[in-house]
Amino acid sequence: GAEGLTDEQQLEMWESIYIEGTRTNEA
């Protein structure tokens, strides 16, 4: 919710935190 960010900057931040793949949990 930060002000002053462009749409491109927000999408860039969003894509930077994406983690690909899956794992098997304890169950």
PDB file of all heavy atoms in Angstrom:
ATOM      1  N   GLY A   1       0.787  -1.235   0.000  1.00  0.00           N
ATOM      2  CA  GLY A   1       0.000   0.000   0.000  1.00  0.00           C
ATOM      3  C   GLY A   1       0.810   1.272   0.000  1.00  0.00           C
ATOM      4  O   GLY A   1       0.312   2.330   0.409  1.00  0.00           O
ATOM      5  N   ALA A   2       2.055   1.204  -0.445  1.00  0.00           N
ATOM      6  CA  ALA A   2       2.901   2.407  -0.451  1.00  0.00           C
ATOM      7  C   ALA A   2       2.450   3.369  -1.543  1.00  0.00           C
ATOM      8  O   ALA A   2       2.105   2.956  -2.647  1.00  0.00           O
ATOM      9  CB  ALA A   2       4.358   2.023  -0.657  1.00  0.00           C
ATOM     10  N   GLU A   3       2.480   4.649  -1.227  1.00  0.00           N
ATOM     11  CA  GLU A   3       2.095   5.666  -2.203  1.00  0.00           C
ATOM     12  C   GLU A   3       3.285   6.028  -3.085  1.00  0.00           C
ATOM     13  O   GLU A   3       4.442   5.840  -2.713  1.00  0.00           O
ATOM     14  CB  GLU A   3       1.576   6.914  -1.483  1.00  0.00           C
ATOM     15  CG  GLU A   3       0.327   6.665  -0.649  1.00  0.00           C
ATOM     16  CD  GLU A   3      -0.152   7.915   0.063  1.00  0.00           C
ATOM     17  OE1 GLU A   3       0.506   8.966  -0.104  1.00  0.00           O
ATOM     18  OE2 GLU A   3      -1.171   7.843   0.774  1.00  0.00           O
ATOM     19  N   GLY A   4       2.990   6.547  -4.268  1.00  0.00           N
ATOM     20  CA  GLY A   4       4.034   7.047  -5.148  1.00  0.00           C
ATOM     21  C   GLY A   4       4.702   6.000  -6.015  1.00  0.00           C
ATOM     22  O   GLY A   4       5.658   6.309  -6.734  1.00  0.00           O
ATOM     23  N   LEU A   5       4.221   4.752  -5.958  1.00  0.00           N
ATOM     24  CA  LEU A   5       4.807   3.700  -6.788  1.00  0.00           C
ATOM     25  C   LEU A   5       4.032   3.563  -8.095  1.00  0.00           C
ATOM     26  O   LEU A   5       2.802   3.626  -8.117  1.00  0.00           O
ATOM     27  CB  LEU A   5       4.782   2.359  -6.048  1.00  0.00           C
ATOM     28  CG  LEU A   5       5.660   2.227  -4.807  1.00  0.00           C
ATOM     29  CD1 LEU A   5       5.387   0.902  -4.114  1.00  0.00           C
ATOM     30  CD2 LEU A   5       7.132   2.345  -5.165  1.00  0.00           C
ATOM     31  N   THR A   6       4.748   3.356  -9.180  1.00  0.00           N
ATOM     32  CA  THR A   6       4.086   3.114 -10.455  1.00  0.00           C
ATOM     33  C   THR A   6       3.582   1.673 -10.500  1.00  0.00           C
ATOM     34  O   THR A   6       4.013   0.814  -9.718  1.00  0.00           O
ATOM     35  CB  THR A   6       5.053   3.339 -11.621  1.00  0.00           C
ATOM     36  OG1 THR A   6       6.091   2.347 -11.563  1.00  0.00           O
ATOM     37  CG2 THR A   6       5.663   4.734 -11.565  1.00  0.00           C
ATOM     38  N   ASP A   7       2.679   1.397 -11.438  1.00  0.00           N
ATOM     39  CA  ASP A   7       2.187   0.023 -11.617  1.00  0.00           C
ATOM     40  C   ASP A   7       3.344  -0.917 -11.942  1.00  0.00           C
ATOM     41  O   ASP A   7       3.399  -2.053 -11.455  1.00  0.00           O
ATOM     42  CB  ASP A   7       1.151  -0.024 -12.745  1.00  0.00           C
ATOM     43  CG  ASP A   7      -0.138   0.698 -12.377  1.00  0.00           C
ATOM     44  OD1 ASP A   7      -0.277   1.114 -11.202  1.00  0.00           O
ATOM     45  OD2 ASP A   7      -0.998   0.851 -13.265  1.00  0.00           O
ATOM     46  N   GLU A   8       4.272  -0.433 -12.741  1.00  0.00           N
ATOM     47  CA  GLU A   8       5.423  -1.254 -13.128  1.00  0.00           C
ATOM     48  C   GLU A   8       6.275  -1.607 -11.910  1.00  0.00           C
ATOM     49  O   GLU A   8       6.721  -2.744 -11.765  1.00  0.00           O
ATOM     50  CB  GLU A   8       6.265  -0.518 -14.165  1.00  0.00           C
ATOM     51  CG  GLU A   8       7.461  -1.317 -14.669  1.00  0.00           C
ATOM     52  CD  GLU A   8       8.264  -0.547 -15.705  1.00  0.00           C
ATOM     53  OE1 GLU A   8       7.963   0.638 -15.932  1.00  0.00           O
ATOM     54  OE2 GLU A   8       9.189  -1.143 -16.289  1.00  0.00           O
ATOM     55  N   GLN A   9       6.483  -0.645 -11.019  1.00  0.00           N
ATOM     56  CA  GLN A   9       7.277  -0.900  -9.819  1.00  0.00           C
ATOM     57  C   GLN A   9       6.588  -1.909  -8.907  1.00  0.00           C
ATOM     58  O   GLN A   9       7.235  -2.783  -8.324  1.00  0.00           O
ATOM     59  CB  GLN A   9       7.524   0.415  -9.066  1.00  0.00           C
ATOM     60  CG  GLN A   9       8.518   1.340  -9.742  1.00  0.00           C
ATOM     61  CD  GLN A   9       8.583   2.700  -9.068  1.00  0.00           C
ATOM     62  OE1 GLN A   9       7.572   3.233  -8.596  1.00  0.00           O
ATOM     63  NE2 GLN A   9       9.772   3.277  -9.025  1.00  0.00           N
ATOM     64  N   GLN A  10       5.277  -1.803  -8.793  1.00  0.00           N
ATOM     65  CA  GLN A  10       4.550  -2.734  -7.927  1.00  0.00           C
ATOM     66  C   GLN A  10       4.609  -4.156  -8.483  1.00  0.00           C
ATOM     67  O   GLN A  10       4.819  -5.123  -7.734  1.00  0.00           O
ATOM     68  CB  GLN A  10       3.097  -2.288  -7.756  1.00  0.00           C
ATOM     69  CG  GLN A  10       2.974  -0.948  -7.045  1.00  0.00           C
ATOM     70  CD  GLN A  10       1.694  -0.829  -6.240  1.00  0.00           C
ATOM     71  OE1 GLN A  10       1.375  -1.691  -5.443  1.00  0.00           O
ATOM     72  NE2 GLN A  10       0.953   0.240  -6.462  1.00  0.00           N
ATOM     73  N   LEU A  11       4.468  -4.288  -9.788  1.00  0.00           N
ATOM     74  CA  LEU A  11       4.567  -5.617 -10.394  1.00  0.00           C
ATOM     75  C   LEU A  11       5.981  -6.176 -10.289  1.00  0.00           C
ATOM     76  O   LEU A  11       6.171  -7.383 -10.074  1.00  0.00           O
ATOM     77  CB  LEU A  11       4.135  -5.565 -11.866  1.00  0.00           C
ATOM     78  CG  LEU A  11       2.627  -5.516 -12.119  1.00  0.00           C
ATOM     79  CD1 LEU A  11       2.349  -5.278 -13.595  1.00  0.00           C
ATOM     80  CD2 LEU A  11       1.960  -6.814 -11.658  1.00  0.00           C
ATOM     81  N   GLU A  12       6.962  -5.315 -10.423  1.00  0.00           N
ATOM     82  CA  GLU A  12       8.355  -5.750 -10.305  1.00  0.00           C
ATOM     83  C   GLU A  12       8.631  -6.284  -8.896  1.00  0.00           C
ATOM     84  O   GLU A  12       9.282  -7.320  -8.733  1.00  0.00           O
ATOM     85  CB  GLU A  12       9.295  -4.587 -10.630  1.00  0.00           C
ATOM     86  CG  GLU A  12      10.768  -4.988 -10.656  1.00  0.00           C
ATOM     87  CD  GLU A  12      11.666  -3.825 -11.039  1.00  0.00           C
ATOM     88  OE1 GLU A  12      11.176  -2.686 -11.125  1.00  0.00           O
ATOM     89  OE2 GLU A  12      12.873  -4.066 -11.244  1.00  0.00           O
ATOM     90  N   MET A  13       8.125  -5.574  -7.882  1.00  0.00           N
ATOM     91  CA  MET A  13       8.282  -6.045  -6.506  1.00  0.00           C
ATOM     92  C   MET A  13       7.590  -7.398  -6.325  1.00  0.00           C
ATOM     93  O   MET A  13       8.127  -8.317  -5.711  1.00  0.00           O
ATOM     94  CB  MET A  13       7.686  -5.037  -5.518  1.00  0.00           C
ATOM     95  CG  MET A  13       8.470  -3.769  -5.330  1.00  0.00           C
ATOM     96  SD  MET A  13       7.863  -2.798  -3.905  1.00  0.00           S
ATOM     97  CE  MET A  13       6.118  -2.588  -4.303  1.00  0.00           C
ATOM     98  N   TRP A  14       6.374  -7.502  -6.862  1.00  0.00           N
ATOM     99  CA  TRP A  14       5.583  -8.727  -6.713  1.00  0.00           C
ATOM    100  C   TRP A  14       6.296  -9.923  -7.342  1.00  0.00           C
ATOM    101  O   TRP A  14       6.384 -11.000  -6.753  1.00  0.00           O
ATOM    102  CB  TRP A  14       4.212  -8.522  -7.344  1.00  0.00           C
ATOM    103  CG  TRP A  14       3.294  -9.706  -7.239  1.00  0.00           C
ATOM    104  CD1 TRP A  14       2.950 -10.564  -8.244  1.00  0.00           C
ATOM    105  CD2 TRP A  14       2.607 -10.164  -6.074  1.00  0.00           C
ATOM    106  NE1 TRP A  14       2.088 -11.527  -7.785  1.00  0.00           N
ATOM    107  CE2 TRP A  14       1.864 -11.303  -6.449  1.00  0.00           C
ATOM    108  CE3 TRP A  14       2.546  -9.719  -4.757  1.00  0.00           C
ATOM    109  CZ2 TRP A  14       1.062 -12.012  -5.551  1.00  0.00           C
ATOM    110  CZ3 TRP A  14       1.755 -10.421  -3.856  1.00  0.00           C
ATOM    111  CH2 TRP A  14       1.028 -11.544  -4.252  1.00  0.00           C
ATOM    112  N   GLU A  15       6.817  -9.740  -8.524  1.00  0.00           N
ATOM    113  CA  GLU A  15       7.483 -10.840  -9.217  1.00  0.00           C
ATOM    114  C   GLU A  15       8.796 -11.215  -8.533  1.00  0.00           C
ATOM    115  O   GLU A  15       9.224 -12.371  -8.570  1.00  0.00           O
ATOM    116  CB  GLU A  15       7.724 -10.457 -10.678  1.00  0.00           C
ATOM    117  CG  GLU A  15       6.423 -10.351 -11.476  1.00  0.00           C
ATOM    118  CD  GLU A  15       6.623  -9.798 -12.873  1.00  0.00           C
ATOM    119  OE1 GLU A  15       7.770  -9.440 -13.206  1.00  0.00           O
ATOM    120  OE2 GLU A  15       5.641  -9.715 -13.631  1.00  0.00           O
ATOM    121  N   SER A  16       9.435 -10.250  -7.862  1.00  0.00           N
ATOM    122  CA  SER A  16      10.719 -10.532  -7.218  1.00  0.00           C
ATOM    123  C   SER A  16      10.579 -11.470  -6.031  1.00  0.00           C
ATOM    124  O   SER A  16      11.551 -12.122  -5.632  1.00  0.00           O
ATOM    125  CB  SER A  16      11.382  -9.224  -6.766  1.00  0.00           C
ATOM    126  OG  SER A  16      10.780  -8.724  -5.580  1.00  0.00           O
ATOM    127  N   ILE A  17       9.379 -11.564  -5.436  1.00  0.00           N
ATOM    128  CA  ILE A  17       9.201 -12.404  -4.247  1.00  0.00           C
ATOM    129  C   ILE A  17       8.575 -13.756  -4.594  1.00  0.00           C
ATOM    130  O   ILE A  17       8.310 -14.559  -3.699  1.00  0.00           O
ATOM    131  CB  ILE A  17       8.349 -11.690  -3.169  1.00  0.00           C
ATOM    132  CG1 ILE A  17       6.955 -11.360  -3.711  1.00  0.00           C
ATOM    133  CG2 ILE A  17       9.052 -10.427  -2.685  1.00  0.00           C
ATOM    134  CD1 ILE A  17       6.019 -10.777  -2.664  1.00  0.00           C
ATOM    135  N   TYR A  18       8.359 -14.009  -5.885  1.00  0.00           N
ATOM    136  CA  TYR A  18       7.777 -15.291  -6.298  1.00  0.00           C
ATOM    137  C   TYR A  18       8.792 -16.418  -6.105  1.00  0.00           C
ATOM    138  O   TYR A  18       9.976 -16.278  -6.411  1.00  0.00           O
ATOM    139  CB  TYR A  18       7.363 -15.219  -7.767  1.00  0.00           C
ATOM    140  CG  TYR A  18       6.902 -16.551  -8.334  1.00  0.00           C
ATOM    141  CD1 TYR A  18       5.675 -17.077  -7.969  1.00  0.00           C
ATOM    142  CD2 TYR A  18       7.704 -17.267  -9.219  1.00  0.00           C
ATOM    143  CE1 TYR A  18       5.243 -18.299  -8.472  1.00  0.00           C
ATOM    144  CE2 TYR A  18       7.289 -18.483  -9.729  1.00  0.00           C
ATOM    145  CZ  TYR A  18       6.062 -18.995  -9.346  1.00  0.00           C
ATOM    146  OH  TYR A  18       5.652 -20.196  -9.844  1.00  0.00           O
ATOM    147  N   ILE A  19       8.331 -17.542  -5.553  1.00  0.00           N
ATOM    148  CA  ILE A  19       9.183 -18.716  -5.353  1.00  0.00           C
ATOM    149  C   ILE A  19       8.573 -19.880  -6.140  1.00  0.00           C
ATOM    150  O   ILE A  19       7.443 -20.303  -5.872  1.00  0.00           O
ATOM    151  CB  ILE A  19       9.298 -19.096  -3.868  1.00  0.00           C
ATOM    152  CG1 ILE A  19       9.821 -17.905  -3.060  1.00  0.00           C
ATOM    153  CG2 ILE A  19      10.229 -20.299  -3.696  1.00  0.00           C
ATOM    154  CD1 ILE A  19       9.809 -18.135  -1.566  1.00  0.00           C
ATOM    155  N   GLU A  20       9.315 -20.380  -7.089  1.00  0.00           N
ATOM    156  CA  GLU A  20       8.814 -21.437  -7.959  1.00  0.00           C
ATOM    157  C   GLU A  20       8.945 -22.805  -7.295  1.00  0.00           C
ATOM    158  O   GLU A  20       9.844 -23.038  -6.481  1.00  0.00           O
ATOM    159  CB  GLU A  20       9.602 -21.439  -9.274  1.00  0.00           C
ATOM    160  CG  GLU A  20       9.078 -22.416 -10.317  1.00  0.00           C
ATOM    161  CD  GLU A  20       9.855 -22.331 -11.617  1.00  0.00           C
ATOM    162  OE1 GLU A  20      10.845 -21.564 -11.672  1.00  0.00           O
ATOM    163  OE2 GLU A  20       9.475 -23.018 -12.562  1.00  0.00           O
ATOM    164  N   GLY A  21       8.041 -23.712  -7.654  1.00  0.00           N
ATOM    165  CA  GLY A  21       8.183 -25.098  -7.233  1.00  0.00           C
ATOM    166  C   GLY A  21       7.255 -25.508  -6.103  1.00  0.00           C
ATOM    167  O   GLY A  21       6.484 -24.705  -5.558  1.00  0.00           O
ATOM    168  N   THR A  22       7.319 -26.790  -5.770  1.00  0.00           N
ATOM    169  CA  THR A  22       6.525 -27.356  -4.679  1.00  0.00           C
ATOM    170  C   THR A  22       7.428 -28.174  -3.766  1.00  0.00           C
ATOM    171  O   THR A  22       8.556 -28.502  -4.125  1.00  0.00           O
ATOM    172  CB  THR A  22       5.401 -28.265  -5.213  1.00  0.00           C
ATOM    173  OG1 THR A  22       5.987 -29.343  -5.971  1.00  0.00           O
ATOM    174  CG2 THR A  22       4.434 -27.487  -6.091  1.00  0.00           C
ATOM    175  N   ARG A  23       6.919 -28.502  -2.597  1.00  0.00           N
ATOM    176  CA  ARG A  23       7.625 -29.375  -1.665  1.00  0.00           C
ATOM    177  C   ARG A  23       6.613 -30.265  -0.964  1.00  0.00           C
ATOM    178  O   ARG A  23       5.407 -30.003  -1.006  1.00  0.00           O
ATOM    179  CB  ARG A  23       8.410 -28.558  -0.637  1.00  0.00           C
ATOM    180  CG  ARG A  23       7.549 -27.711   0.278  1.00  0.00           C
ATOM    181  CD  ARG A  23       8.397 -26.940   1.272  1.00  0.00           C
ATOM    182  NE  ARG A  23       7.575 -26.110   2.148  1.00  0.00           N
ATOM    183  CZ  ARG A  23       7.006 -26.537   3.272  1.00  0.00           C
ATOM    184  NH1 ARG A  23       7.152 -27.816   3.654  1.00  0.00           N
ATOM    185  NH2 ARG A  23       6.279 -25.729   4.015  1.00  0.00           N
ATOM    186  N   THR A  24       7.106 -31.291  -0.323  1.00  0.00           N
ATOM    187  CA  THR A  24       6.240 -32.206   0.408  1.00  0.00           C
ATOM    188  C   THR A  24       6.334 -31.882   1.893  1.00  0.00           C
ATOM    189  O   THR A  24       7.427 -31.860   2.462  1.00  0.00           O
ATOM    190  CB  THR A  24       6.652 -33.664   0.170  1.00  0.00           C
ATOM    191  OG1 THR A  24       6.632 -33.928  -1.241  1.00  0.00           O
ATOM    192  CG2 THR A  24       5.698 -34.612   0.871  1.00  0.00           C
ATOM    193  N   ASN A  25       5.180 -31.628   2.517  1.00  0.00           N
ATOM    194  CA  ASN A  25       5.209 -31.286   3.938  1.00  0.00           C
ATOM    195  C   ASN A  25       5.265 -32.550   4.800  1.00  0.00           C
ATOM    196  O   ASN A  25       5.335 -33.673   4.291  1.00  0.00           O
ATOM    197  CB  ASN A  25       3.995 -30.416   4.311  1.00  0.00           C
ATOM    198  CG  ASN A  25       2.669 -31.155   4.137  1.00  0.00           C
ATOM    199  OD1 ASN A  25       2.628 -32.369   3.938  1.00  0.00           O
ATOM    200  ND2 ASN A  25       1.589 -30.416   4.224  1.00  0.00           N
ATOM    201  N   GLU A  26       5.252 -32.371   6.116  1.00  0.00           N
ATOM    202  CA  GLU A  26       5.400 -33.496   7.030  1.00  0.00           C
ATOM    203  C   GLU A  26       4.251 -34.485   6.922  1.00  0.00           C
ATOM    204  O   GLU A  26       4.398 -35.658   7.253  1.00  0.00           O
ATOM    205  CB  GLU A  26       5.525 -32.976   8.470  1.00  0.00           C
ATOM    206  CG  GLU A  26       6.798 -32.164   8.713  1.00  0.00           C
ATOM    207  CD  GLU A  26       6.902 -31.672  10.136  1.00  0.00           C
ATOM    208  OE1 GLU A  26       5.937 -31.896  10.902  1.00  0.00           O
ATOM    209  OE2 GLU A  26       7.932 -31.068  10.483  1.00  0.00           O
ATOM    210  N   ALA A  27       3.106 -34.007   6.461  1.00  0.00           N
ATOM    211  CA  ALA A  27       1.947 -34.891   6.296  1.00  0.00           C
ATOM    212  C   ALA A  27       1.971 -35.634   4.960  1.00  0.00           C
ATOM    213  O   ALA A  27       1.060 -36.397   4.655  1.00  0.00           O
ATOM    214  CB  ALA A  27       0.659 -34.089   6.425  1.00  0.00           C
TER     215      ALA A  27
END
